[in-house]
Amino acid sequence: MQNDDRIKVGVIFGGRSGEHAVSLMSARFILASLDPSKYAVTQIGITRQGGWLVGDDVLSALTAERVADLSPATLLPDPSRPELRRLSSIGQSETLEVLTALDVVFPVLHGTFGEDGTLQGLLDMAGLAYVGPGVLGSSVGMDKGVFFDVMRANQIPVVDTVLVLRSQIEADINAAIALAEKAGQYPLFIKPANLGSSVGVSKANNRSDLLEGLLEAAAYDRRVVVQKGLNVREIEVSVLGNDAPEASVCGEVLPGADFYSYDAKYHDDSSQTVIPADIPDHLSEHIRALAVKAFKAIDLAGLARVDFFLDKDSGEIYLNELNTMPGFTHISMYPMLWQASGLSSAALVDRLVQLALARRAEQDATTHEFRRDS
């Protein structure tokens, strides 16, 4: 018989995002790493259309896209009712029945409607502990345009970028191309501002490539970031903690393709990782310190993977991206970097859950009511 005192964890995966498939891969890792003697786990799947589902082996059902046997579910934005509820039909009526109470939520969601602060707002309204940063850190970390501005304000070096709006692309593509070219000389990289896993990312060597890249990125987001291309090495660091975060060893990505695209990350076995990265100790310490500084600058909590460029020509370091819910697949750098730093997968997931609970306890200590003395 299982221990009734186990922590009740709701693992949420899938989602209405271009990174839906990556989320499913990450969820498999998290579910395998949660010790069943410590955690009573409930799987919560979110379809590509945004429907919440519960039932038997939700992950397998969502992966196979056969969800007819699953039931709709929801959370109420009410801190007095921190339960997962299943929607049941009785005749012509629908009712919400309590499926399980939850102590903490692990939102293994990447991209929009999961990593961008929207889900975090719902969980805050419900008074639930959850893994990862809150609304502010999630939303700033998600939007590359805003994030780069905050990094510059904190004297953290980033590559030259230009922000182009979908409305500008639709109104006058030639003017949008001219604006994008202000980022620098070709090659240029075009990215949706609010997505990860290299979804919608392309490299432009000329105007024709740039036109195609802008249209592709704009299909995924109304804000598009255009970034100057450099001759770089890609160095990554994992960060873990709340108010006193720690950085892992550095790792290096050796893309099998022209750049670390979606296919290079998840479908091309020629991509490689080197852990620890073959860089001097002083450079490694500098990069790790910048990763922690960036983490604190946008008020993160729990975890983040911070990606850097090391310019092969100038030796300069640039912060390229920060992921507030990085991938947890079998090839993902976040868990591999902590493994190399001495933290097993199970210990890492334990730590993340404990950090979530500690952060919720700190939030609960905040007074939300003001009464003026008569």
Protein backbone atom coordinates (compact mmCIF):
# COMPACT_ATOMS: atom_id res chain seq x y z
CA MET A 1 0.00 0.00 0.00
CA GLN A 2 1.29 3.45 -0.91
CA ASN A 3 2.01 6.06 1.74
CA ASP A 4 -1.04 8.32 2.14
CA ASP A 5 1.31 11.16 3.03
CA ARG A 6 2.76 11.30 -0.49
CA ILE A 7 2.95 14.72 -2.14
CA LYS A 8 0.14 15.07 -4.68
CA VAL A 9 1.68 16.27 -7.95
CA GLY A 10 -0.21 17.25 -11.07
CA VAL A 11 2.03 16.94 -14.13
CA ILE A 12 0.67 19.05 -17.01
CA PHE A 13 1.90 18.48 -20.56
CA GLY A 14 1.02 18.97 -24.21
CA GLY A 15 -0.45 22.40 -24.71
CA ARG A 16 -1.63 24.82 -27.35
CA SER A 17 1.83 25.57 -28.69
CA GLY A 18 4.18 24.77 -31.55
CA GLU A 19 6.22 22.89 -28.93
CA HIS A 20 3.39 20.45 -28.11
CA ALA A 21 5.37 17.38 -29.24
CA VAL A 22 8.48 18.42 -27.30
CA SER A 23 6.36 18.83 -24.18
CA LEU A 24 5.20 15.22 -24.47
CA MET A 25 8.80 14.04 -24.68
CA SER A 26 9.74 16.13 -21.65
CA ALA A 27 6.76 14.82 -19.66
CA ARG A 28 7.92 11.23 -20.21
CA PHE A 29 11.23 12.12 -18.54
CA ILE A 30 9.58 13.90 -15.59
CA LEU A 31 7.04 11.11 -14.98
CA ALA A 32 9.84 8.51 -15.01
CA SER A 33 11.88 10.59 -12.53
CA LEU A 34 9.15 11.12 -9.90
CA ASP A 35 9.56 8.52 -7.15
CA PRO A 36 6.15 6.80 -6.69
CA SER A 37 6.93 6.22 -3.02
CA LYS A 38 7.14 10.02 -2.50
CA TYR A 39 4.66 11.35 -5.05
CA ALA A 40 1.08 10.58 -5.99
CA VAL A 41 1.10 11.71 -9.61
CA THR A 42 -1.88 12.76 -11.70
CA GLN A 43 -1.32 13.19 -15.42
CA ILE A 44 -3.04 16.20 -16.99
CA GLY A 45 -2.86 16.49 -20.76
CA ILE A 46 -3.67 19.58 -22.78
CA THR A 47 -4.62 19.07 -26.42
CA ARG A 48 -3.35 21.17 -29.31
CA GLN A 49 -6.73 22.94 -29.16
CA GLY A 50 -6.37 23.73 -25.43
CA GLY A 51 -8.66 21.10 -23.89
CA TRP A 52 -7.61 19.69 -20.49
CA LEU A 53 -7.91 15.90 -20.18
CA VAL A 54 -7.48 13.28 -17.44
CA GLY A 55 -7.78 9.51 -17.33
CA ASP A 56 -5.63 6.40 -17.69
CA ASP A 57 -2.15 6.96 -19.16
CA VAL A 58 -2.94 10.38 -20.55
CA LEU A 59 0.56 10.77 -21.98
CA SER A 60 0.27 7.72 -24.22
CA ALA A 61 -3.22 8.72 -25.33
CA LEU A 62 -2.17 12.26 -26.18
CA THR A 63 0.96 11.04 -27.97
CA ALA A 64 -1.13 8.69 -30.11
CA GLU A 65 -3.81 11.39 -30.52
CA ARG A 66 -6.46 8.94 -29.40
CA VAL A 67 -8.20 10.72 -26.54
CA ALA A 68 -11.81 9.52 -26.81
CA ASP A 69 -11.55 7.61 -23.52
CA LEU A 70 -10.23 10.60 -21.57
CA SER A 71 -12.36 13.04 -19.59
CA PRO A 72 -12.37 16.85 -19.64
CA ALA A 73 -10.93 18.48 -16.53
CA THR A 74 -10.15 21.90 -15.11
CA LEU A 75 -8.78 23.89 -12.20
CA LEU A 76 -10.81 26.65 -10.57
CA PRO A 77 -9.11 30.02 -9.90
CA ASP A 78 -10.16 29.74 -6.26
CA PRO A 79 -7.51 29.25 -3.53
CA SER A 80 -10.10 27.69 -1.21
CA ARG A 81 -10.56 24.84 -3.72
CA PRO A 82 -7.10 23.64 -4.82
CA GLU A 83 -8.43 20.51 -6.50
CA LEU A 84 -8.37 19.12 -10.00
CA ARG A 85 -11.94 18.68 -11.19
CA ARG A 86 -13.34 16.34 -13.81
CA LEU A 87 -16.25 17.37 -16.00
CA SER A 88 -19.00 14.74 -16.01
CA SER A 89 -22.23 14.63 -17.99
CA ILE A 90 -25.46 13.53 -16.34
CA GLY A 91 -28.32 13.61 -18.82
CA GLN A 92 -28.50 17.14 -20.18
CA SER A 93 -26.45 18.54 -17.30
CA GLU A 94 -22.71 18.81 -16.74
CA THR A 95 -21.11 18.77 -13.30
CA LEU A 96 -17.61 19.29 -11.93
CA GLU A 97 -16.56 16.55 -9.54
CA VAL A 98 -13.38 16.64 -7.47
CA LEU A 99 -10.85 14.21 -8.92
CA THR A 100 -7.97 14.89 -6.54
CA ALA A 101 -6.48 17.58 -4.36
CA LEU A 102 -3.11 18.90 -5.51
CA ASP A 103 -0.11 20.00 -3.46
CA VAL A 104 2.03 21.12 -6.38
CA VAL A 105 1.82 21.36 -10.16
CA PHE A 106 4.67 20.53 -12.53
CA PRO A 107 3.80 22.40 -15.75
CA VAL A 108 5.97 20.58 -18.30
CA LEU A 109 4.81 22.97 -21.01
CA HIS A 110 7.00 24.76 -23.52
CA GLY A 111 6.10 27.89 -25.43
CA THR A 112 2.82 29.78 -25.52
CA PHE A 113 0.01 29.12 -23.03
CA GLY A 114 2.35 27.29 -20.67
CA GLU A 115 5.78 28.86 -20.38
CA ASP A 116 4.74 32.46 -21.00
CA GLY A 117 3.00 33.34 -17.72
CA THR A 118 -0.57 32.53 -18.76
CA LEU A 119 -0.79 29.20 -16.93
CA GLN A 120 1.25 30.62 -14.05
CA GLY A 121 -1.43 33.27 -13.56
CA LEU A 122 -4.13 30.63 -13.28
CA LEU A 123 -2.07 28.63 -10.78
CA ASP A 124 -1.42 31.76 -8.71
CA MET A 125 -5.15 32.53 -8.68
CA ALA A 126 -5.77 28.96 -7.48
CA GLY A 127 -3.16 29.34 -4.73
CA LEU A 128 -1.23 26.30 -5.96
CA ALA A 129 2.49 25.68 -5.73
CA TYR A 130 4.10 25.08 -9.09
CA VAL A 131 7.51 24.37 -10.53
CA GLY A 132 9.19 27.28 -12.26
CA PRO A 133 8.96 31.06 -12.16
CA GLY A 134 5.88 33.20 -11.76
CA VAL A 135 4.00 35.39 -14.21
CA LEU A 136 6.64 38.12 -14.50
CA GLY A 137 9.69 35.93 -14.98
CA SER A 138 7.87 33.56 -17.30
CA SER A 139 6.51 36.28 -19.58
CA VAL A 140 9.74 38.29 -19.76
CA GLY A 141 11.82 35.15 -20.30
CA MET A 142 9.46 34.06 -23.07
CA ASP A 143 9.42 37.25 -25.13
CA LYS A 144 12.86 37.61 -26.69
CA GLY A 145 12.29 41.24 -27.59
CA VAL A 146 11.51 42.33 -24.04
CA PHE A 147 14.09 39.95 -22.60
CA PHE A 148 16.92 41.44 -24.66
CA ASP A 149 15.95 44.93 -23.51
CA VAL A 150 16.09 43.84 -19.86
CA MET A 151 19.47 42.18 -20.41
CA ARG A 152 20.88 45.37 -21.94
CA ALA A 153 19.55 47.37 -18.98
CA ASN A 154 21.49 45.01 -16.69
CA GLN A 155 24.72 45.27 -18.71
CA ILE A 156 24.48 41.67 -19.89
CA PRO A 157 25.73 41.50 -23.50
CA VAL A 158 23.31 40.30 -26.20
CA VAL A 159 23.58 40.14 -30.00
CA ASP A 160 22.22 43.06 -32.05
CA THR A 161 18.53 42.49 -32.81
CA VAL A 162 15.56 44.15 -34.47
CA LEU A 163 11.90 43.54 -33.59
CA VAL A 164 9.44 43.28 -36.50
CA LEU A 165 5.68 43.03 -36.01
CA ARG A 166 3.41 40.72 -37.99
CA SER A 167 1.27 43.75 -38.84
CA GLN A 168 4.32 45.40 -40.43
CA ILE A 169 5.06 42.26 -42.45
CA GLU A 170 1.46 42.05 -43.65
CA ALA A 171 1.21 45.77 -44.45
CA ASP A 172 4.45 46.16 -46.41
CA ILE A 173 6.81 43.21 -46.72
CA ASN A 174 9.52 45.28 -48.43
CA ALA A 175 9.53 47.83 -45.60
CA ALA A 176 9.62 44.96 -43.08
CA ILE A 177 12.62 43.45 -44.89
CA ALA A 178 14.40 46.84 -44.85
CA LEU A 179 13.73 47.13 -41.11
CA ALA A 180 14.97 43.59 -40.45
CA GLU A 181 18.19 44.27 -42.34
CA LYS A 182 19.06 46.94 -39.76
CA ALA A 183 20.04 44.07 -37.43
CA GLY A 184 23.28 43.71 -39.39
CA GLN A 185 24.86 42.10 -42.40
CA TYR A 186 23.80 38.69 -43.63
CA PRO A 187 23.51 36.01 -42.44
CA LEU A 188 20.54 36.91 -40.23
CA PHE A 189 18.50 34.68 -37.95
CA ILE A 190 14.73 35.09 -37.76
CA LYS A 191 12.82 33.86 -34.70
CA PRO A 192 9.30 34.07 -33.27
CA ALA A 193 9.67 36.21 -30.15
CA ASN A 194 7.56 33.88 -27.98
CA LEU A 195 8.55 30.33 -28.85
CA GLY A 196 11.39 27.89 -28.23
CA SER A 197 12.84 24.56 -29.40
CA SER A 198 13.90 26.41 -32.57
CA VAL A 199 10.32 26.24 -33.88
CA GLY A 200 9.87 28.80 -36.66
CA VAL A 201 13.56 29.74 -36.60
CA SER A 202 15.41 30.17 -39.90
CA LYS A 203 18.71 31.47 -41.24
CA ALA A 204 18.72 34.05 -44.02
CA ASN A 205 21.71 34.43 -46.33
CA ASN A 206 19.95 36.90 -48.63
CA ARG A 207 16.74 38.91 -49.07
CA SER A 208 14.81 35.98 -50.51
CA ASP A 209 15.63 33.87 -47.45
CA LEU A 210 14.72 36.78 -45.18
CA LEU A 211 11.30 37.18 -46.81
CA GLU A 212 10.53 33.49 -46.31
CA GLY A 213 11.85 33.56 -42.75
CA LEU A 214 9.76 36.55 -41.75
CA LEU A 215 6.60 34.92 -43.11
CA GLU A 216 7.36 31.64 -41.34
CA ALA A 217 8.14 33.24 -37.98
CA ALA A 218 5.07 35.51 -38.20
CA ALA A 219 2.89 32.42 -38.53
CA TYR A 220 3.90 31.49 -34.97
CA ASP A 221 3.90 34.92 -33.30
CA ARG A 222 2.83 38.51 -33.88
CA ARG A 223 6.33 39.61 -32.79
CA VAL A 224 9.40 38.49 -34.72
CA VAL A 225 13.02 38.94 -33.68
CA VAL A 226 15.75 39.33 -36.31
CA GLN A 227 19.26 38.74 -35.04
CA LYS A 228 22.68 39.36 -36.53
CA GLY A 229 24.47 36.12 -37.38
CA LEU A 230 27.90 35.48 -35.88
CA ASN A 231 30.57 32.80 -36.11
CA VAL A 232 29.98 31.26 -32.70
CA ARG A 233 30.24 28.32 -30.34
CA GLU A 234 27.02 27.58 -28.43
CA ILE A 235 27.52 27.29 -24.65
CA GLU A 236 24.68 26.42 -22.26
CA VAL A 237 24.26 26.56 -18.48
CA SER A 238 21.52 25.20 -16.22
CA VAL A 239 20.39 27.27 -13.23
CA LEU A 240 18.54 25.91 -10.19
CA GLY A 241 17.16 27.68 -7.12
CA ASN A 242 14.92 30.48 -5.90
CA ASP A 243 16.48 33.54 -4.26
CA ALA A 244 19.95 31.93 -4.12
CA PRO A 245 20.27 30.17 -7.49
CA GLU A 246 23.21 28.00 -8.51
CA ALA A 247 24.67 27.34 -11.94
CA SER A 248 25.72 23.98 -13.33
CA VAL A 249 28.87 23.26 -15.28
CA CYS A 250 28.92 24.66 -18.82
CA GLY A 251 28.13 22.50 -21.82
CA GLU A 252 28.63 23.01 -25.53
CA VAL A 253 26.27 22.15 -28.37
CA LEU A 254 27.80 20.99 -31.66
CA PRO A 255 24.92 21.21 -34.16
CA GLY A 256 24.81 18.60 -36.89
CA ALA A 257 23.14 21.12 -39.19
CA ASP A 258 23.94 24.68 -40.24
CA PHE A 259 22.48 25.83 -36.90
CA TYR A 260 20.74 24.17 -33.94
CA SER A 261 17.34 23.85 -35.61
CA TYR A 262 14.31 21.86 -34.43
CA ASP A 263 15.39 18.87 -36.54
CA ALA A 264 18.98 19.17 -35.35
CA LYS A 265 17.74 19.08 -31.75
CA TYR A 266 15.23 16.24 -31.93
CA HIS A 267 15.64 14.27 -35.18
CA ASP A 268 19.28 14.50 -36.28
CA ASP A 269 21.68 12.16 -34.50
CA SER A 270 24.68 14.05 -35.88
CA SER A 271 24.25 16.85 -33.32
CA GLN A 272 26.51 16.40 -30.30
CA THR A 273 26.98 17.84 -26.84
CA VAL A 274 30.23 18.27 -24.93
CA ILE A 275 29.93 18.35 -21.11
CA PRO A 276 31.79 20.06 -19.60
CA ALA A 277 32.52 22.52 -22.39
CA ASP A 278 36.16 22.71 -23.47
CA ILE A 279 36.72 26.32 -22.43
CA PRO A 280 39.11 27.93 -19.92
CA ASP A 281 38.05 27.91 -16.27
CA HIS A 282 37.90 31.71 -16.04
CA LEU A 283 35.56 31.84 -19.04
CA SER A 284 33.37 29.10 -17.60
CA GLU A 285 33.06 31.00 -14.31
CA HIS A 286 32.22 34.23 -16.15
CA ILE A 287 29.46 32.53 -18.16
CA ARG A 288 28.02 30.86 -15.05
CA ALA A 289 27.98 34.19 -13.22
CA LEU A 290 26.17 35.85 -16.15
CA ALA A 291 23.59 33.03 -16.13
CA VAL A 292 22.82 33.62 -12.45
CA LYS A 293 22.71 37.39 -12.99
CA ALA A 294 20.19 36.98 -15.82
CA PHE A 295 18.11 34.60 -13.68
CA LYS A 296 17.90 37.17 -10.90
CA ALA A 297 17.35 40.11 -13.26
CA ILE A 298 13.92 38.84 -14.34
CA ASP A 299 12.98 37.42 -10.91
CA LEU A 300 13.05 33.74 -11.86
CA ALA A 301 12.45 30.82 -9.53
CA GLY A 302 13.01 27.10 -9.76
CA LEU A 303 14.89 26.58 -13.00
CA ALA A 304 16.17 27.98 -16.26
CA ARG A 305 18.56 27.02 -19.01
CA VAL A 306 20.63 29.96 -20.22
CA ASP A 307 22.19 29.81 -23.69
CA PHE A 308 25.25 31.81 -24.70
CA PHE A 309 27.22 32.53 -27.86
CA LEU A 310 31.02 32.53 -27.72
CA ASP A 311 32.19 34.52 -30.76
CA LYS A 312 35.00 32.55 -32.40
CA ASP A 313 36.39 35.69 -34.04
CA SER A 314 36.34 38.20 -31.19
CA GLY A 315 36.15 35.98 -28.11
CA GLU A 316 33.14 37.99 -26.87
CA ILE A 317 30.33 36.35 -24.88
CA TYR A 318 26.67 37.05 -25.69
CA LEU A 319 23.58 35.79 -23.89
CA ASN A 320 21.38 34.38 -26.65
CA GLU A 321 18.33 32.96 -24.90
CA LEU A 322 16.86 31.94 -21.55
CA ASN A 323 14.34 29.11 -21.19
CA THR A 324 12.19 29.10 -18.04
CA MET A 325 10.88 25.56 -18.69
CA PRO A 326 13.68 23.93 -20.68
CA GLY A 327 13.35 20.60 -22.39
CA PHE A 328 13.56 17.42 -20.35
CA THR A 329 13.99 14.92 -23.18
CA HIS A 330 16.67 12.21 -23.23
CA ILE A 331 18.96 14.60 -25.16
CA SER A 332 18.10 17.81 -23.28
CA MET A 333 20.95 19.84 -21.85
CA TYR A 334 19.20 20.96 -18.66
CA PRO A 335 19.16 17.56 -16.90
CA MET A 336 22.42 16.44 -18.53
CA LEU A 337 24.27 19.49 -17.20
CA TRP A 338 23.01 18.81 -13.67
CA GLN A 339 23.89 15.12 -14.03
CA ALA A 340 27.44 16.24 -14.85
CA SER A 341 27.31 18.56 -11.82
CA GLY A 342 26.46 15.64 -9.51
CA LEU A 343 22.65 15.77 -9.39
CA SER A 344 20.74 12.73 -10.65
CA SER A 345 17.45 13.03 -12.53
CA ALA A 346 15.42 11.89 -9.52
CA ALA A 347 17.30 14.26 -7.19
CA LEU A 348 16.83 17.12 -9.65
CA VAL A 349 13.07 16.61 -9.88
CA ASP A 350 12.87 16.31 -6.07
CA ARG A 351 14.69 19.63 -5.74
CA LEU A 352 12.37 21.33 -8.22
CA VAL A 353 9.29 20.18 -6.31
CA GLN A 354 10.75 21.37 -3.00
CA LEU A 355 11.66 24.74 -4.51
CA ALA A 356 8.07 25.09 -5.74
CA LEU A 357 6.67 24.35 -2.29
CA ALA A 358 9.12 26.76 -0.65
CA ARG A 359 8.16 29.53 -3.05
CA ARG A 360 4.45 28.96 -2.40
CA ALA A 361 5.07 29.15 1.35
CA GLU A 362 6.85 32.48 0.86
CA GLN A 363 3.98 33.78 -1.26
CA ASP A 364 1.47 32.69 1.38
CA ALA A 365 3.34 34.83 3.93
CA THR A 366 2.45 37.94 1.91
CA THR A 367 -0.50 39.99 3.14
CA HIS A 368 -3.09 40.62 0.43
CA GLU A 369 -5.59 42.58 2.51
CA PHE A 370 -5.33 46.12 3.84
CA ARG A 371 -7.66 47.49 6.47
CA ARG A 372 -7.37 51.08 7.59
CA ASP A 373 -7.86 51.54 11.31
CA SER A 374 -11.01 53.51 12.09
